[in-house]
Amino acid sequence: MPVPELKENPSPLRYIFLFWLPLAAMWLFMGLETPIINACIARMPMAKENLAAYGVTFSITVLIESPIIQMLTTGTALAADRKRYRQLIRFMHVMALILTALHLVLAMPSVYRFAVSRVMGIPEDIMELSRIPFLFLAPFHAAVGYRRLWQGVLIRYGKTREVTYIMIIRFISTVAILLAGFLFTHLNAALLGALSLSAGVLMGACSAGFFTLPIVKRLPEDERGVSVLRLKDLLRFYIPLLLTSLILMASRPILAAGISRGTLPLESLAVWPVIEGFVFVFRSLSMSYQEVVVALMNRKSMAGLLRRFAIFLAGGVGLLYLITAGTPLSRIWFQHVAGLDSELLPMALIPFLLALPVPVLSGPVALYRGILVHRGNTGTIAGAVIINSLSLAFFIFAGVAWLPYSGALIAAGALSLSLLIESIFLRIRVGTLPGALC
């Protein structure tokens, strides 16, 4: 793997830390977007309804986007030479066209009403409020797909700082449009959130292409010792990852559908995107570790060090989360940053604490997934995510049917339990494979 060689100094663990840190920053900036958008919406007219509408819009959008999420991992693992890169970019063109067309079809009034109101069970007024914002998120899929592919190429060639620069450009663009709309227009709050997010991802894609172009120009036509990437090989590698993302992203609509059938549905739908966004900020620090494992796993004596770093990472993120959840910091965030009013604030604090296992377990899960991607065993990752999603659906729907608690509280518990089950399954599977790390 053509990443910078280890030197005597820094130490191997410090080297992993320095390789991981820009990727963690990338995910952190991405994780901060949703809380900031939600905070802005919470300070605009009809805050409760618009928070719920934006949450529904975003959950459906990321479900459609899910087939191209794994272009980051694919670019990191497979972009070894120019022939392979051309195969990957052609594949991305096709995916972008299909997903954008699917988004536009779903945005048609009759189709959207059926999917959101009839299938998901979202209240009629929230469904109507969310449709136009959903339409304006149509560029989201292509922009995210190209950016992630190009970021994967950058990671493969050790350019992790550029990955962070891309996310800073995206973050600044999103926040600039959001603040301009908040201060100088009278746009509907959910629509403003969608417009700012679309602008941000488009700027991220453009900057990713700019930073990747010099690397692509220097790629060898054929990398010695690397086989030609045929379409069937690419599909064999990618389809399990595609299914992984598709099933994983389905958790958002599954949770939204479960919450809408529970106690206090409108309040829970309004507060859940704020909780989920704040949890994602912590979880993002661990999720970024998968690409580190993919890039560095074939280095000599690196396996044990990657495992040790994953343990440190899980412990550090868990401690930071616990400090935030168990102190006034969480109240300060939800009330003064996210802008939840006195009615919604109590509904956020306990679910946030209950979601503690999510960022802690995300570190080991990232480690196990990275090992499996490195070995080309992407099918096991898909199987783990299927188990996660089935567990999530069972826990959320059984919880709202049998327990007298708010939908947001049950959703937090379901998310934690389902990720725990996935992590156990992955640990067992990695341990049974040849050359197991753990």
Protein backbone atom coordinates (compact mmCIF):
# COMPACT_ATOMS: atom_id res chain seq x y z
CA MET A 1 0.00 0.00 0.00
CA PRO A 2 1.66 3.27 -1.08
CA VAL A 3 1.45 5.23 2.16
CA PRO A 4 4.43 6.95 3.80
CA GLU A 5 6.93 4.56 5.34
CA LEU A 6 7.33 4.20 9.09
CA LYS A 7 10.31 6.03 10.50
CA GLU A 8 12.23 5.50 13.72
CA ASN A 9 10.40 8.52 15.07
CA PRO A 10 7.50 8.93 15.47
CA SER A 11 6.71 5.68 17.23
CA PRO A 12 4.34 3.26 15.47
CA LEU A 13 1.38 4.14 17.73
CA ARG A 14 2.04 7.84 17.22
CA TYR A 15 2.26 7.20 13.48
CA ILE A 16 -1.19 5.56 13.56
CA PHE A 17 -2.48 8.52 15.58
CA LEU A 18 -1.11 11.04 13.08
CA PHE A 19 -2.53 9.04 10.17
CA TRP A 20 -5.94 8.78 11.89
CA LEU A 21 -6.23 12.35 13.20
CA PRO A 22 -7.03 14.10 9.87
CA LEU A 23 -9.60 11.40 9.07
CA ALA A 24 -11.18 11.87 12.48
CA ALA A 25 -11.31 15.60 11.79
CA MET A 26 -13.03 14.84 8.46
CA TRP A 27 -15.75 12.82 10.18
CA LEU A 28 -16.00 15.36 13.00
CA PHE A 29 -16.69 18.25 10.63
CA MET A 30 -19.25 16.09 8.85
CA GLY A 31 -20.77 15.13 12.20
CA LEU A 32 -21.07 18.77 13.28
CA GLU A 33 -23.10 19.72 10.20
CA THR A 34 -26.35 18.11 11.30
CA PRO A 35 -26.33 19.54 14.86
CA ILE A 36 -25.63 23.03 13.48
CA ILE A 37 -28.41 22.77 10.90
CA ASN A 38 -30.77 21.48 13.58
CA ALA A 39 -29.72 24.32 15.91
CA CYS A 40 -30.58 26.86 13.23
CA ILE A 41 -33.93 25.23 12.47
CA ALA A 42 -34.74 25.17 16.19
CA ARG A 43 -34.46 28.98 16.28
CA MET A 44 -36.80 29.57 13.34
CA PRO A 45 -40.62 29.64 13.15
CA MET A 46 -42.46 26.33 13.57
CA ALA A 47 -39.32 24.80 15.06
CA LYS A 48 -40.88 21.54 16.21
CA GLU A 49 -42.54 20.80 12.88
CA ASN A 50 -39.49 21.81 10.82
CA LEU A 51 -37.09 19.76 12.94
CA ALA A 52 -39.31 16.74 12.37
CA ALA A 53 -39.63 17.49 8.64
CA TYR A 54 -35.89 17.94 8.15
CA GLY A 55 -35.21 14.74 10.08
CA VAL A 56 -37.56 12.80 7.78
CA THR A 57 -36.06 14.43 4.67
CA PHE A 58 -32.50 13.68 5.71
CA SER A 59 -33.24 10.10 6.73
CA ILE A 60 -34.70 9.28 3.30
CA THR A 61 -31.89 11.09 1.49
CA VAL A 62 -29.13 9.16 3.24
CA LEU A 63 -31.00 5.92 2.54
CA ILE A 64 -30.90 6.66 -1.21
CA GLU A 65 -27.28 7.79 -0.87
CA SER A 66 -26.22 4.59 0.89
CA PRO A 67 -25.08 2.67 -2.24
CA ILE A 68 -22.23 5.16 -2.79
CA ILE A 69 -21.14 5.56 0.84
CA GLN A 70 -18.57 2.79 0.47
CA MET A 71 -16.74 4.54 -2.37
CA LEU A 72 -14.41 5.89 0.34
CA THR A 73 -13.38 2.40 1.39
CA THR A 74 -13.32 1.20 -2.23
CA GLY A 75 -11.04 4.02 -3.36
CA THR A 76 -8.71 3.38 -0.41
CA ALA A 77 -8.54 -0.36 -1.10
CA LEU A 78 -8.53 -0.58 -4.91
CA ALA A 79 -7.14 2.58 -6.58
CA ALA A 80 -3.70 1.08 -7.21
CA ASP A 81 -3.11 2.34 -10.76
CA ARG A 82 -4.67 4.38 -13.55
CA LYS A 83 -6.55 1.46 -15.11
CA ARG A 84 -8.17 0.63 -11.78
CA TYR A 85 -8.97 4.28 -11.17
CA ARG A 86 -10.70 4.59 -14.56
CA GLN A 87 -12.81 1.54 -13.76
CA LEU A 88 -13.79 3.07 -10.42
CA ILE A 89 -14.70 6.47 -11.90
CA ARG A 90 -16.83 4.86 -14.63
CA PHE A 91 -18.62 2.86 -11.95
CA MET A 92 -19.20 6.08 -10.01
CA HIS A 93 -20.71 7.80 -13.09
CA VAL A 94 -23.31 5.04 -13.41
CA MET A 95 -24.12 5.08 -9.69
CA ALA A 96 -24.54 8.87 -9.67
CA LEU A 97 -26.97 8.78 -12.59
CA ILE A 98 -29.09 5.98 -11.11
CA LEU A 99 -29.34 7.47 -7.61
CA THR A 100 -30.14 11.00 -8.80
CA ALA A 101 -32.90 9.65 -11.04
CA LEU A 102 -34.28 7.58 -8.14
CA HIS A 103 -34.32 10.67 -5.91
CA LEU A 104 -36.23 12.72 -8.48
CA VAL A 105 -38.80 9.96 -9.00
CA LEU A 106 -39.36 9.66 -5.25
CA ALA A 107 -39.79 13.45 -5.02
CA MET A 108 -42.89 13.27 -7.25
CA PRO A 109 -45.88 14.25 -5.06
CA SER A 110 -47.87 11.01 -5.34
CA VAL A 111 -44.81 8.78 -4.90
CA TYR A 112 -43.50 10.79 -1.97
CA ARG A 113 -46.90 10.82 -0.24
CA PHE A 114 -47.17 7.04 -0.52
CA ALA A 115 -43.63 6.36 0.71
CA VAL A 116 -43.57 8.82 3.60
CA SER A 117 -47.17 8.94 4.77
CA ARG A 118 -48.40 5.42 3.99
CA VAL A 119 -45.24 3.33 4.35
CA MET A 120 -43.33 5.22 7.04
CA GLY A 121 -46.43 6.44 8.89
CA ILE A 122 -45.19 10.04 9.14
CA PRO A 123 -47.99 12.52 10.03
CA GLU A 124 -49.53 14.29 7.03
CA ASP A 125 -48.46 17.81 7.97
CA ILE A 126 -44.83 16.74 8.48
CA MET A 127 -44.87 14.86 5.17
CA GLU A 128 -46.06 17.96 3.29
CA LEU A 129 -43.47 20.16 4.99
CA SER A 130 -40.63 17.81 4.05
CA ARG A 131 -41.27 17.20 0.33
CA ILE A 132 -39.81 20.39 -1.18
CA PRO A 133 -36.66 20.24 0.99
CA PHE A 134 -36.28 16.64 -0.17
CA LEU A 135 -36.45 17.74 -3.82
CA PHE A 136 -33.62 20.24 -3.29
CA LEU A 137 -31.36 17.50 -1.95
CA ALA A 138 -31.26 15.77 -5.37
CA PRO A 139 -27.58 16.73 -6.05
CA PHE A 140 -26.54 15.16 -2.74
CA HIS A 141 -25.83 11.62 -3.98
CA ALA A 142 -23.53 12.39 -6.91
CA ALA A 143 -21.61 15.03 -4.94
CA VAL A 144 -21.04 12.73 -1.97
CA GLY A 145 -20.09 9.76 -4.15
CA TYR A 146 -17.39 11.55 -6.15
CA ARG A 147 -16.02 13.22 -3.02
CA ARG A 148 -15.75 9.93 -1.16
CA LEU A 149 -14.07 8.15 -4.08
CA TRP A 150 -11.50 10.93 -4.41
CA GLN A 151 -10.96 11.04 -0.66
CA GLY A 152 -10.31 7.29 -0.75
CA VAL A 153 -7.59 7.86 -3.35
CA LEU A 154 -6.06 10.57 -1.15
CA ILE A 155 -6.07 8.27 1.89
CA ARG A 156 -4.46 5.44 -0.10
CA TYR A 157 -1.58 7.71 -1.02
CA GLY A 158 -1.12 9.12 2.47
CA LYS A 159 -2.67 12.55 1.76
CA THR A 160 -4.89 12.56 4.83
CA ARG A 161 -4.45 16.28 5.55
CA GLU A 162 -6.04 17.11 2.20
CA VAL A 163 -9.04 15.01 3.25
CA THR A 164 -9.49 17.35 6.21
CA TYR A 165 -9.16 20.45 4.01
CA ILE A 166 -11.98 19.14 1.82
CA MET A 167 -14.28 18.77 4.81
CA ILE A 168 -13.39 22.24 6.09
CA ILE A 169 -14.37 23.70 2.71
CA ARG A 170 -17.62 21.73 2.78
CA PHE A 171 -18.33 22.76 6.38
CA ILE A 172 -17.69 26.47 5.77
CA SER A 173 -19.89 26.41 2.64
CA THR A 174 -22.75 24.74 4.48
CA VAL A 175 -22.60 27.10 7.46
CA ALA A 176 -22.25 30.21 5.24
CA ILE A 177 -25.40 29.39 3.26
CA LEU A 178 -27.22 28.45 6.46
CA LEU A 179 -26.36 31.70 8.23
CA ALA A 180 -27.11 33.83 5.17
CA GLY A 181 -30.53 32.24 4.86
CA PHE A 182 -31.19 32.54 8.58
CA LEU A 183 -30.24 36.23 8.76
CA PHE A 184 -31.39 37.63 5.43
CA THR A 185 -34.25 35.50 4.07
CA HIS A 186 -37.60 34.15 5.16
CA LEU A 187 -37.14 30.67 3.76
CA ASN A 188 -38.88 27.73 5.36
CA ALA A 189 -36.48 26.31 7.98
CA ALA A 190 -36.40 22.74 6.64
CA LEU A 191 -35.85 24.05 3.10
CA LEU A 192 -32.97 26.24 4.28
CA GLY A 193 -31.36 23.22 5.91
CA ALA A 194 -31.62 21.22 2.67
CA LEU A 195 -30.24 24.06 0.52
CA SER A 196 -27.25 24.64 2.81
CA LEU A 197 -26.44 20.92 2.89
CA SER A 198 -26.65 20.64 -0.91
CA ALA A 199 -24.33 23.63 -1.33
CA GLY A 200 -21.84 22.15 1.12
CA VAL A 201 -21.62 18.72 -0.52
CA LEU A 202 -21.21 20.27 -3.97
CA MET A 203 -18.31 22.41 -2.76
CA GLY A 204 -16.81 19.35 -1.06
CA ALA A 205 -16.93 17.37 -4.31
CA CYS A 206 -15.30 20.17 -6.32
CA SER A 207 -12.47 20.59 -3.81
CA ALA A 208 -11.92 16.80 -3.62
CA GLY A 209 -11.52 16.65 -7.39
CA PHE A 210 -9.03 19.52 -7.25
CA PHE A 211 -6.85 17.88 -4.58
CA THR A 212 -6.96 14.44 -6.23
CA LEU A 213 -6.09 15.54 -9.78
CA PRO A 214 -2.27 15.70 -9.22
CA ILE A 215 -2.27 12.16 -7.77
CA VAL A 216 -4.35 10.77 -10.64
CA LYS A 217 -1.93 12.30 -13.15
CA ARG A 218 0.99 10.51 -11.47
CA LEU A 219 -0.66 7.10 -11.22
CA PRO A 220 1.16 4.35 -13.13
CA GLU A 221 -0.80 2.82 -15.96
CA ASP A 222 -0.29 -0.67 -14.44
CA GLU A 223 0.93 -1.26 -10.89
CA ARG A 224 3.37 -4.19 -10.78
CA GLY A 225 1.98 -7.14 -8.85
CA VAL A 226 -1.59 -5.81 -8.92
CA SER A 227 -4.16 -7.63 -11.03
CA VAL A 228 -6.44 -5.87 -13.51
CA LEU A 229 -9.69 -4.78 -11.89
CA ARG A 230 -12.42 -6.36 -13.97
CA LEU A 231 -16.02 -5.30 -13.58
CA LYS A 232 -17.00 -8.63 -12.04
CA ASP A 233 -14.16 -8.29 -9.52
CA LEU A 234 -15.29 -4.79 -8.62
CA LEU A 235 -18.89 -5.93 -8.21
CA ARG A 236 -17.85 -8.92 -6.10
CA PHE A 237 -15.97 -6.56 -3.80
CA TYR A 238 -18.48 -3.70 -3.81
CA ILE A 239 -21.94 -5.30 -3.76
CA PRO A 240 -21.62 -6.59 -0.17
CA LEU A 241 -20.42 -3.13 0.87
CA LEU A 242 -23.33 -1.57 -1.04
CA LEU A 243 -25.76 -3.83 0.78
CA THR A 244 -24.03 -2.94 4.03
CA SER A 245 -24.61 0.78 3.52
CA LEU A 246 -28.13 0.31 2.18
CA ILE A 247 -29.19 -1.77 5.15
CA LEU A 248 -27.34 0.43 7.63
CA MET A 249 -28.87 3.63 6.29
CA ALA A 250 -32.29 1.99 6.40
CA SER A 251 -31.97 2.33 10.16
CA ARG A 252 -32.92 6.01 9.93
CA PRO A 253 -36.33 5.42 8.30
CA ILE A 254 -36.79 2.35 10.53
CA LEU A 255 -36.22 4.48 13.61
CA ALA A 256 -38.42 7.27 12.25
CA ALA A 257 -41.21 4.77 11.53
CA GLY A 258 -40.88 3.24 14.99
CA ILE A 259 -40.76 6.60 16.75
CA SER A 260 -43.87 7.80 14.89
CA ARG A 261 -45.78 4.82 16.32
CA GLY A 262 -44.66 5.38 19.92
CA THR A 263 -45.55 7.72 22.73
CA LEU A 264 -45.29 11.47 21.99
CA PRO A 265 -44.57 10.94 18.26
CA LEU A 266 -44.25 14.60 17.18
CA GLU A 267 -42.02 15.55 20.09
CA SER A 268 -39.87 12.44 19.62
CA LEU A 269 -39.53 13.01 15.86
CA ALA A 270 -38.45 16.58 16.59
CA VAL A 271 -35.88 15.72 19.26
CA TRP A 272 -34.42 12.54 17.73
CA PRO A 273 -32.41 14.24 14.91
CA VAL A 274 -30.79 16.46 17.55
CA ILE A 275 -29.88 13.45 19.73
CA GLU A 276 -28.69 11.40 16.76
CA GLY A 277 -26.62 14.28 15.41
CA PHE A 278 -24.86 14.83 18.75
CA VAL A 279 -24.21 11.09 19.15
CA PHE A 280 -22.75 11.05 15.63
CA VAL A 281 -20.22 13.74 16.62
CA PHE A 282 -18.67 11.26 19.09
CA ARG A 283 -19.22 8.21 16.92
CA SER A 284 -17.45 9.88 14.00
CA LEU A 285 -14.15 9.79 15.88
CA SER A 286 -14.31 5.98 15.85
CA MET A 287 -15.88 5.45 12.42
CA SER A 288 -12.90 7.13 10.74
CA TYR A 289 -10.66 4.31 11.97
CA GLN A 290 -11.88 1.81 9.35
CA GLU A 291 -9.93 3.50 6.54
CA VAL A 292 -6.81 3.62 8.73
CA VAL A 293 -6.99 -0.17 9.17
CA VAL A 294 -7.56 -0.72 5.43
CA ALA A 295 -4.58 1.47 4.53
CA LEU A 296 -2.10 0.15 7.13
CA MET A 297 -3.13 -3.46 7.76
CA ASN A 298 -0.56 -5.04 5.44
CA ARG A 299 2.37 -3.34 7.15
CA LYS A 300 4.67 -5.64 9.13
CA SER A 301 3.95 -5.84 12.86
CA MET A 302 1.04 -3.44 12.44
CA ALA A 303 -1.87 -5.77 13.32
CA GLY A 304 -1.31 -5.77 17.07
CA LEU A 305 -0.70 -2.02 17.11
CA LEU A 306 -3.95 -1.37 15.24
CA ARG A 307 -5.80 -3.46 17.81
CA ARG A 308 -4.20 -1.57 20.72
CA PHE A 309 -5.03 1.78 19.16
CA ALA A 310 -8.66 0.69 18.67
CA ILE A 311 -8.89 -0.10 22.40
CA PHE A 312 -7.41 3.29 23.31
CA LEU A 313 -9.77 4.97 20.86
CA ALA A 314 -12.90 3.27 22.24
CA GLY A 315 -11.91 4.09 25.81
CA GLY A 316 -11.07 7.72 25.04
CA VAL A 317 -14.25 8.38 23.07
CA GLY A 318 -16.34 6.63 25.74
CA LEU A 319 -14.79 8.71 28.52
CA LEU A 320 -15.36 11.94 26.60
CA TYR A 321 -18.97 10.96 25.90
CA LEU A 322 -19.60 10.01 29.53
CA ILE A 323 -18.19 13.29 30.76
CA THR A 324 -20.46 15.16 28.36
CA ALA A 325 -23.57 13.09 29.11
CA GLY A 326 -23.12 13.07 32.89
CA THR A 327 -22.41 16.77 33.36
CA PRO A 328 -24.19 20.04 32.50
CA LEU A 329 -22.35 20.02 29.17
CA SER A 330 -25.14 17.98 27.56
CA ARG A 331 -27.81 20.37 28.83
CA ILE A 332 -25.78 23.32 27.57
CA TRP A 333 -25.51 21.70 24.13
CA PHE A 334 -29.15 20.70 23.78
CA GLN A 335 -30.57 23.92 25.22
CA HIS A 336 -28.18 26.67 24.18
CA VAL A 337 -26.50 25.25 21.08
CA ALA A 338 -29.18 22.99 19.60
CA GLY A 339 -31.91 25.35 20.77
CA LEU A 340 -34.35 22.81 22.21
CA ASP A 341 -37.07 24.49 24.23
CA SER A 342 -38.04 23.60 27.79
CA GLU A 343 -40.68 21.15 26.52
CA LEU A 344 -38.25 19.10 24.41
CA LEU A 345 -35.09 19.36 26.53
CA PRO A 346 -35.99 16.64 29.10
CA MET A 347 -36.75 14.24 26.23
CA ALA A 348 -33.15 14.54 24.95
CA LEU A 349 -31.00 14.10 28.05
CA ILE A 350 -31.80 10.50 29.09
CA PRO A 351 -31.79 9.05 25.52
CA PHE A 352 -28.39 10.69 24.98
CA LEU A 353 -27.01 8.96 28.08
CA LEU A 354 -28.58 5.65 27.02
CA ALA A 355 -26.77 5.85 23.68
CA LEU A 356 -23.33 5.67 25.36
CA PRO A 357 -22.49 2.20 23.88
CA VAL A 358 -22.81 3.56 20.32
CA PRO A 359 -19.58 5.62 20.15
CA VAL A 360 -17.72 3.13 22.38
CA LEU A 361 -18.54 0.09 20.23
CA SER A 362 -17.94 1.95 16.97
CA GLY A 363 -14.15 1.69 17.48
CA PRO A 364 -14.00 -2.13 17.61
CA VAL A 365 -16.57 -2.35 14.81
CA ALA A 366 -14.39 -0.10 12.63
CA LEU A 367 -11.37 -2.29 13.42
CA TYR A 368 -13.16 -5.53 12.50
CA ARG A 369 -14.64 -4.06 9.30
CA GLY A 370 -11.24 -2.74 8.25
CA ILE A 371 -9.67 -6.18 8.73
CA LEU A 372 -12.40 -7.81 6.66
CA VAL A 373 -12.10 -5.22 3.85
CA HIS A 374 -8.34 -5.75 3.80
CA ARG A 375 -8.92 -9.51 3.41
CA GLY A 376 -11.56 -8.94 0.70
CA ASN A 377 -14.19 -10.59 2.90
CA THR A 378 -16.83 -7.90 2.46
CA GLY A 379 -19.68 -10.41 2.60
CA THR A 380 -19.19 -10.88 6.35
CA ILE A 381 -19.59 -7.13 6.87
CA ALA A 382 -22.90 -7.25 5.01
CA GLY A 383 -24.05 -10.16 7.15
CA ALA A 384 -23.18 -8.26 10.33
CA VAL A 385 -25.15 -5.21 9.23
CA ILE A 386 -28.16 -7.38 8.36
CA ILE A 387 -28.08 -8.75 11.90
CA ASN A 388 -27.76 -5.18 13.23
CA SER A 389 -30.75 -3.92 11.24
CA LEU A 390 -32.99 -6.86 12.08
CA SER A 391 -32.14 -6.38 15.76
CA LEU A 392 -32.80 -2.65 15.50
CA ALA A 393 -36.20 -3.17 13.87
CA PHE A 394 -37.18 -5.73 16.52
CA PHE A 395 -36.10 -3.57 19.45
CA ILE A 396 -37.69 -0.33 18.21
CA PHE A 397 -41.05 -1.80 17.20
CA ALA A 398 -41.27 -4.13 20.20
CA GLY A 399 -40.27 -1.25 22.46
CA VAL A 400 -42.90 1.20 21.23
CA ALA A 401 -45.52 -1.56 21.40
CA TRP A 402 -44.73 -2.82 24.89
CA LEU A 403 -43.02 -0.01 26.83
CA PRO A 404 -44.64 3.23 28.08
CA TYR A 405 -41.67 5.43 27.18
CA SER A 406 -41.10 8.07 24.52
CA GLY A 407 -40.08 6.96 21.05
CA ALA A 408 -36.76 8.81 21.38
CA LEU A 409 -35.82 6.90 24.53
CA ILE A 410 -36.67 3.54 22.98
CA ALA A 411 -34.78 4.45 19.79
CA ALA A 412 -31.60 5.19 21.78
CA GLY A 413 -31.82 1.83 23.55
CA ALA A 414 -32.51 -0.02 20.30
CA LEU A 415 -29.54 1.62 18.59
CA SER A 416 -27.19 0.61 21.42
CA LEU A 417 -28.39 -2.99 21.65
CA SER A 418 -28.28 -3.59 17.89
CA LEU A 419 -24.69 -2.28 17.62
CA LEU A 420 -23.66 -4.47 20.55
CA ILE A 421 -25.03 -7.53 18.75
CA GLU A 422 -23.19 -6.57 15.54
CA SER A 423 -19.88 -6.08 17.37
CA ILE A 424 -20.15 -9.51 19.01
CA PHE A 425 -20.86 -11.14 15.64
CA LEU A 426 -17.91 -9.40 13.98
CA ARG A 427 -15.57 -10.30 16.83
CA ILE A 428 -16.51 -13.96 16.48
CA ARG A 429 -16.12 -13.94 12.67
CA VAL A 430 -12.78 -12.14 12.68
CA GLY A 431 -11.52 -14.58 15.31
CA THR A 432 -12.43 -17.59 13.16
CA LEU A 433 -10.70 -16.36 10.02
CA PRO A 434 -7.12 -17.29 9.07
CA GLY A 435 -4.59 -14.88 10.50
CA ALA A 436 -7.09 -13.44 12.96
CA LEU A 437 -6.07 -10.26 14.66
CA CYS A 438 -7.90 -10.86 17.92
